[in-house]
């Protein structure tokens, strides 16, 4: 973990590295349950029942396109409009694996880093969730199995901060009161990754720390080819108003860094446990690729 645990608004370079935005400017010129609330976008409505003329009818109690805040071992809250005050960001890779037989669905995840320009160890004993290092010049020339593996690896922008929800409701659609809450948000959709990333890039170019400003977030609907609807974030960064850093902010920032450290230690421990298994898997995949290439040459 970095030695910086106190927010110093007069030392941009050190704080930018600690908060995970040091590389934004350059690009533009332990096993324990999470105690952080999870911020996500809910793409489907929640249905409930209401009595109409003496009969129970299905109604939409929470519409799709709402931000949802999942409290660990607690309720989930929803809001169409939120405001976040980011304290830090990190990057990671994530890949979903469908379960087969006795094996359950699971995710492969890497450690969190302030850059994706290095190889990141993952909990399966490999690197980058199986994604090859560096740039692939001719993606379509790769074997189909490797193409599918690369497509399944998501680059994730992980945002830590405090969220304030406007007119929040619970899962029944009832209005609730919620205090500003510490959250983690794993932004993995490609367009959402860029939208939120622009806010951090603008902060870096302005030499402003994320904790000094807020980002207003709403969502916009988008349609898939099959007619289904999904939602993407719209973000408005407020660079005009600077927020004074309090002692509570200092403590929250330190807790975020500790959370990241604990998470990374857990992933590294899993990597150490499974790295020997990965060697045999890599050998099998290499044989598969060689077989495919040989068949193509012969034909």
Protein backbone atom coordinates (compact mmCIF):
# COMPACT_ATOMS: atom_id res chain seq x y z
CA UNK A 1 0.00 0.00 0.00
CA UNK A 2 1.22 3.54 -0.69
CA UNK A 3 2.62 5.46 2.28
CA UNK A 4 0.24 8.35 1.48
CA UNK A 5 -2.74 8.06 3.82
CA UNK A 6 -3.55 11.75 4.34
CA UNK A 7 -5.26 13.90 1.71
CA UNK A 8 -3.00 16.84 0.83
CA UNK A 9 -4.62 19.12 -1.74
CA UNK A 10 -1.33 21.01 -2.12
CA UNK A 11 0.58 17.94 -3.38
CA UNK A 12 -1.18 16.97 -6.59
CA UNK A 13 1.45 14.53 -7.92
CA UNK A 14 1.56 12.33 -4.81
CA UNK A 15 -2.19 12.41 -4.29
CA UNK A 16 -2.94 11.77 -7.99
CA UNK A 17 -0.93 8.53 -7.77
CA UNK A 18 -2.60 7.50 -4.52
CA UNK A 19 -6.07 8.22 -5.93
CA UNK A 20 -5.35 6.39 -9.18
CA UNK A 21 -5.39 9.24 -11.73
CA UNK A 22 -1.66 9.72 -12.26
CA UNK A 23 -1.82 8.02 -15.68
CA UNK A 24 -4.94 9.83 -16.91
CA UNK A 25 -3.05 13.01 -17.73
CA UNK A 26 -0.36 11.11 -19.60
CA UNK A 27 -2.92 9.27 -21.71
CA UNK A 28 -4.66 12.48 -22.63
CA UNK A 29 -1.23 15.00 -23.30
CA UNK A 30 -7.30 -11.24 2.93
CA UNK A 31 -10.47 -13.44 2.28
CA UNK A 32 -13.24 -11.34 3.84
CA UNK A 33 -16.60 -10.08 2.68
CA UNK A 34 -16.77 -6.54 1.33
CA UNK A 35 -18.13 -4.00 3.78
CA UNK A 36 -18.53 -1.39 1.04
CA UNK A 37 -21.88 -0.77 -0.57
CA UNK A 38 -21.97 -1.75 -4.25
CA UNK A 39 -23.12 0.86 -6.76
CA UNK A 40 -24.58 -0.41 -10.04
CA UNK A 41 -27.12 0.46 -12.73
CA UNK A 42 -30.32 -1.60 -12.64
CA UNK A 43 -31.34 -2.35 -16.23
CA UNK A 44 -34.65 -4.10 -15.58
CA UNK A 45 -37.68 -2.88 -13.63
CA UNK A 46 -38.79 -4.43 -10.36
CA UNK A 47 -42.34 -5.69 -10.43
CA UNK A 48 -44.76 -5.77 -7.53
CA UNK A 49 -48.46 -6.17 -6.92
CA UNK A 50 -51.17 -3.63 -6.17
CA UNK A 51 -54.86 -4.07 -5.55
CA UNK A 52 -57.07 -2.66 -8.31
CA UNK A 53 -60.84 -3.05 -8.07
CA UNK A 54 -60.44 -5.85 -5.58
CA UNK A 55 -57.89 -7.76 -7.68
CA UNK A 56 -54.09 -8.09 -7.40
CA UNK A 57 -52.36 -6.80 -10.53
CA UNK A 58 -48.68 -6.73 -11.45
CA UNK A 59 -47.21 -3.25 -11.57
CA UNK A 60 -43.77 -1.73 -12.01
CA UNK A 61 -42.68 -0.45 -8.61
CA UNK A 62 -39.10 0.46 -9.53
CA UNK A 63 -38.40 1.42 -13.14
CA UNK A 64 -35.37 0.30 -15.11
CA UNK A 65 -32.42 2.62 -15.51
CA UNK A 66 -32.13 3.44 -11.83
CA UNK A 67 -28.87 3.48 -9.91
CA UNK A 68 -28.95 0.88 -7.18
CA UNK A 69 -26.93 0.84 -3.99
CA UNK A 70 -26.56 -2.63 -2.49
CA UNK A 71 -25.85 -2.48 1.23
CA UNK A 72 -23.89 -5.53 2.50
CA UNK A 73 -26.26 -7.75 4.50
CA UNK A 74 -28.88 -5.04 4.12
CA UNK A 75 -31.42 -3.52 1.74
CA UNK A 76 -30.94 -2.16 -1.78
CA UNK A 77 -31.84 1.42 -2.61
CA UNK A 78 -32.66 2.97 -5.97
CA UNK A 79 -32.43 6.46 -7.43
CA UNK A 80 -32.68 7.94 -10.91
CA UNK A 81 -30.25 10.75 -10.11
CA UNK A 82 -27.21 10.53 -7.86
CA UNK A 83 -24.15 12.58 -7.03
CA UNK A 84 -20.83 10.95 -6.28
CA UNK A 85 -17.72 12.40 -4.69
CA UNK A 86 -14.93 10.10 -5.87
CA UNK A 87 -12.00 9.50 -3.55
CA UNK A 88 -9.97 7.07 -5.69
CA UNK A 89 -10.00 4.86 -8.75
CA UNK A 90 -8.19 1.67 -9.68
CA UNK A 91 -8.17 -0.70 -12.68
CA UNK A 92 -8.55 -4.44 -12.98
CA UNK A 93 -9.59 -7.23 -15.36
CA UNK A 94 -12.60 -9.45 -14.76
CA UNK A 95 -13.93 -12.51 -16.61
CA UNK A 96 -17.11 -14.50 -15.99
CA UNK A 97 -16.97 -18.30 -16.18
CA UNK A 98 -20.16 -20.31 -16.62
CA UNK A 99 -20.40 -23.23 -14.24
CA UNK A 100 -20.51 -26.83 -15.43
CA UNK A 101 -21.63 -29.82 -13.42
CA UNK A 102 -20.60 -29.37 -9.80
CA UNK A 103 -18.66 -26.19 -10.63
CA UNK A 104 -20.63 -23.03 -9.90
CA UNK A 105 -20.59 -19.81 -11.89
CA UNK A 106 -17.63 -17.69 -10.88
CA UNK A 107 -15.53 -14.67 -11.75
CA UNK A 108 -11.82 -14.50 -12.41
CA UNK A 109 -10.51 -11.20 -11.07
CA UNK A 110 -7.10 -9.56 -11.05
CA UNK A 111 -5.53 -7.35 -8.44
CA UNK A 112 -6.41 -3.65 -8.61
CA UNK A 113 -3.77 -1.32 -10.02
CA UNK A 114 -3.49 2.34 -10.99
CA UNK A 115 -2.80 1.25 -14.59
CA UNK A 116 -3.65 -1.51 -17.07
CA UNK A 117 -0.26 -1.15 -18.75
CA UNK A 118 1.23 -3.97 -16.70
CA UNK A 119 0.40 -7.66 -16.26
CA UNK A 120 -1.94 -8.19 -13.31
CA UNK A 121 -2.05 -11.42 -11.32
CA UNK A 122 -5.47 -13.03 -10.98
CA UNK A 123 -7.13 -15.36 -8.49
CA UNK A 124 -6.88 -18.36 -10.85
CA UNK A 125 -3.08 -18.31 -10.80
CA UNK A 126 -2.63 -16.54 -14.13
CA UNK A 127 -2.35 -13.01 -15.42
CA UNK A 128 -4.97 -10.62 -16.81
CA UNK A 129 -7.71 -13.29 -16.52
CA UNK A 130 -6.07 -15.08 -19.46
CA UNK A 131 -5.90 -12.05 -21.75
CA UNK A 132 -2.57 -11.92 -23.66
CA UNK A 133 -0.19 -9.09 -22.83
CA UNK A 134 0.25 -6.17 -25.20
CA UNK A 135 -1.61 -5.16 -28.35
CA UNK A 136 -2.92 -7.83 -30.73
CA UNK A 137 -2.20 -6.65 -34.28
CA UNK A 138 -4.47 -9.11 -36.11
CA UNK A 139 -7.25 -10.19 -33.79
CA UNK A 140 -9.15 -12.15 -36.46
CA UNK A 141 -6.08 -14.25 -37.22
CA UNK A 142 -6.15 -15.70 -33.71
CA UNK A 143 -7.77 -19.10 -33.05
CA UNK A 144 -11.49 -18.79 -32.30
CA UNK A 145 -11.04 -20.03 -28.74
CA UNK A 146 -8.51 -17.29 -28.02
CA UNK A 147 -10.72 -14.63 -29.62
CA UNK A 148 -13.60 -15.65 -27.37
CA UNK A 149 -11.35 -15.62 -24.30
CA UNK A 150 -10.14 -12.09 -25.06
CA UNK A 151 -13.69 -10.85 -25.67
CA UNK A 152 -14.79 -12.26 -22.32
CA UNK A 153 -12.10 -10.32 -20.41
CA UNK A 154 -13.54 -7.01 -19.22
CA UNK A 155 -11.35 -4.08 -18.32
CA UNK A 156 -12.84 -2.50 -15.23
CA UNK A 157 -12.57 1.01 -13.84
CA UNK A 158 -13.14 0.68 -10.08
CA UNK A 159 -14.39 3.87 -8.45
CA UNK A 160 -14.41 4.46 -4.69
CA UNK A 161 -16.25 7.37 -3.14
CA UNK A 162 -19.28 8.77 -1.37
CA UNK A 163 -22.68 8.69 -3.06
CA UNK A 164 -25.70 10.88 -2.35
CA UNK A 165 -28.98 9.61 -3.78
CA UNK A 166 -31.78 11.97 -4.86
CA UNK A 167 -35.32 10.90 -3.92
CA UNK A 168 -34.27 7.29 -3.16
CA UNK A 169 -36.72 4.39 -2.92
CA UNK A 170 -36.44 0.83 -1.67
CA UNK A 171 -37.22 -2.36 -3.61
CA UNK A 172 -40.95 -1.84 -3.03
CA UNK A 173 -40.87 1.66 -4.50
CA UNK A 174 -41.39 3.31 -1.11
CA UNK A 175 -39.52 6.54 -0.38
CA UNK A 176 -36.64 6.27 2.07
CA UNK A 177 -34.01 8.50 3.65
CA UNK A 178 -30.35 7.57 3.10
CA UNK A 179 -27.25 9.30 4.39
CA UNK A 180 -24.29 9.79 2.02
CA UNK A 181 -22.68 6.35 1.77
CA UNK A 182 -19.22 4.99 0.96
CA UNK A 183 -19.36 2.82 -2.18
CA UNK A 184 -17.40 0.79 -4.71
CA UNK A 185 -18.46 0.85 -8.37
CA UNK A 186 -16.98 -1.58 -10.90
CA UNK A 187 -17.50 0.15 -14.27
CA UNK A 188 -16.98 -2.49 -16.95
CA UNK A 189 -19.23 -1.49 -19.87
CA UNK A 190 -16.97 -0.08 -22.58
CA UNK A 191 -18.95 3.13 -23.11
CA UNK A 192 -19.51 3.67 -19.40
CA UNK A 193 -15.76 3.11 -18.85
CA UNK A 194 -15.04 6.02 -21.20
CA UNK A 195 -17.77 8.27 -19.81
CA UNK A 196 -16.55 8.01 -16.22
CA UNK A 197 -12.94 8.06 -17.38
CA UNK A 198 -13.41 11.45 -19.02
CA UNK A 199 -14.33 12.92 -15.63
CA UNK A 200 -11.10 11.64 -14.09
CA UNK A 201 -9.10 12.84 -17.11
CA UNK A 202 -10.64 16.31 -16.81
CA UNK A 203 -9.74 16.36 -13.12
CA UNK A 204 -6.16 15.35 -13.88
CA UNK A 205 -5.75 17.96 -16.62
CA UNK A 206 -7.10 20.63 -14.26
CA UNK A 207 -4.78 19.40 -11.50
CA UNK A 208 -7.76 18.88 -9.24
CA UNK A 209 -8.14 15.88 -6.92
CA UNK A 210 -11.28 13.74 -7.28
CA UNK A 211 -12.25 14.25 -3.62
CA UNK A 212 -12.46 18.03 -4.19
CA UNK A 213 -15.35 17.75 -6.67
CA UNK A 214 -18.61 15.95 -7.33
CA UNK A 215 -20.04 14.21 -10.38
CA UNK A 216 -23.79 14.27 -11.08
CA UNK A 217 -25.00 11.03 -12.66
CA UNK A 218 -28.15 10.02 -14.47
CA UNK A 219 -28.81 7.32 -17.08
CA UNK A 220 -29.93 7.18 -20.70
CA UNK A 221 -31.70 4.29 -22.42
CA UNK A 222 -30.13 2.40 -25.33
CA UNK A 223 -31.61 -0.35 -27.49
CA UNK A 224 -30.08 -3.68 -28.47
CA UNK A 225 -30.67 -5.36 -31.82
CA UNK A 226 -33.13 -7.78 -30.18
CA UNK A 227 -35.24 -4.90 -28.89
CA UNK A 228 -34.04 -5.11 -25.28
CA UNK A 229 -33.13 -1.91 -23.45
CA UNK A 230 -30.02 -1.20 -21.43
CA UNK A 231 -28.83 1.96 -19.74
CA UNK A 232 -25.59 3.92 -19.71
CA UNK A 233 -24.48 6.63 -17.30
CA UNK A 234 -24.46 10.31 -18.18
CA UNK A 235 -21.98 12.30 -16.13
CA UNK A 236 -21.59 15.99 -15.33
CA UNK A 237 -18.41 16.94 -13.50
CA UNK A 238 -18.61 20.10 -11.38
CA UNK A 239 -15.22 21.83 -11.59
CA UNK A 240 -16.56 25.21 -10.48
CA UNK A 241 -17.19 24.33 -6.84
CA UNK A 242 -14.32 22.98 -4.76
CA UNK A 243 -15.17 20.89 -1.69
CA UNK A 244 -13.11 21.40 1.44
CA UNK A 245 -11.47 18.22 2.72
CA UNK A 246 -12.47 17.31 6.27
CA UNK A 247 -11.01 14.93 8.82
CA UNK A 248 -13.84 12.52 7.99
CA UNK A 249 -12.65 12.57 4.37
CA UNK A 250 -9.13 11.77 5.55
CA UNK A 251 -10.42 8.76 7.48
CA UNK A 252 -12.60 7.58 4.59
CA UNK A 253 -9.71 7.84 2.15
CA UNK A 254 -7.46 5.81 4.45
CA UNK A 255 -10.19 3.17 4.74
CA UNK A 256 -10.48 2.94 0.95
CA UNK A 257 -6.73 2.39 0.61
CA UNK A 258 -6.86 -0.28 3.31
CA UNK A 259 -9.76 -1.97 1.52
CA UNK A 260 -7.77 -2.04 -1.73
CA UNK A 261 -4.74 -3.44 0.08
CA UNK A 262 -6.80 -6.22 1.70
CA UNK A 263 -8.45 -7.07 -1.61
CA UNK A 264 -5.11 -7.26 -3.43
CA UNK A 265 -3.61 -9.43 -0.69
CA UNK A 266 -6.53 -11.83 -1.06
CA UNK A 267 -6.05 -12.05 -4.85
CA UNK A 268 -2.29 -12.52 -4.48
CA UNK A 269 -2.83 -15.33 -1.97
CA UNK A 270 -5.20 -17.04 -4.41
CA UNK A 271 -2.65 -16.54 -7.20
CA UNK A 272 0.00 -18.29 -5.11
CA UNK A 273 -2.39 -21.18 -4.39
CA UNK A 274 -3.36 -21.70 -8.03
CA UNK A 275 -0.34 -20.68 -10.13
CA UNK A 276 0.90 -24.29 -10.41
CA UNK A 277 -2.50 -25.34 -11.79
CA UNK A 278 -2.31 -22.60 -14.41
CA UNK A 279 0.87 -24.08 -15.88
CA UNK A 280 -0.95 -27.25 -16.99
CA UNK A 281 -3.90 -25.22 -18.29
CA UNK A 282 -1.60 -23.00 -20.37
CA UNK A 283 0.08 -26.12 -21.83
CA UNK A 284 -3.30 -27.57 -22.84
CA UNK A 285 -4.36 -24.28 -24.46
CA UNK A 286 -1.05 -24.08 -26.36
CA UNK A 287 -1.56 -27.60 -27.72
CA UNK A 288 -5.07 -26.64 -28.78
CA UNK A 289 -3.85 -23.55 -30.64
CA UNK A 290 -1.07 -25.52 -32.32
CA UNK A 291 -3.53 -28.19 -33.47
CA UNK A 292 -5.85 -25.56 -34.92
CA UNK A 293 -3.04 -23.79 -36.75
CA UNK A 294 -1.75 -27.10 -38.15
CA UNK A 295 -5.15 -28.05 -39.54
CA UNK A 296 -5.50 -24.65 -41.21
CA UNK A 297 -2.11 -25.01 -42.90
CA UNK A 298 -2.87 -28.51 -44.17
CA UNK A 299 -6.24 -27.46 -45.60
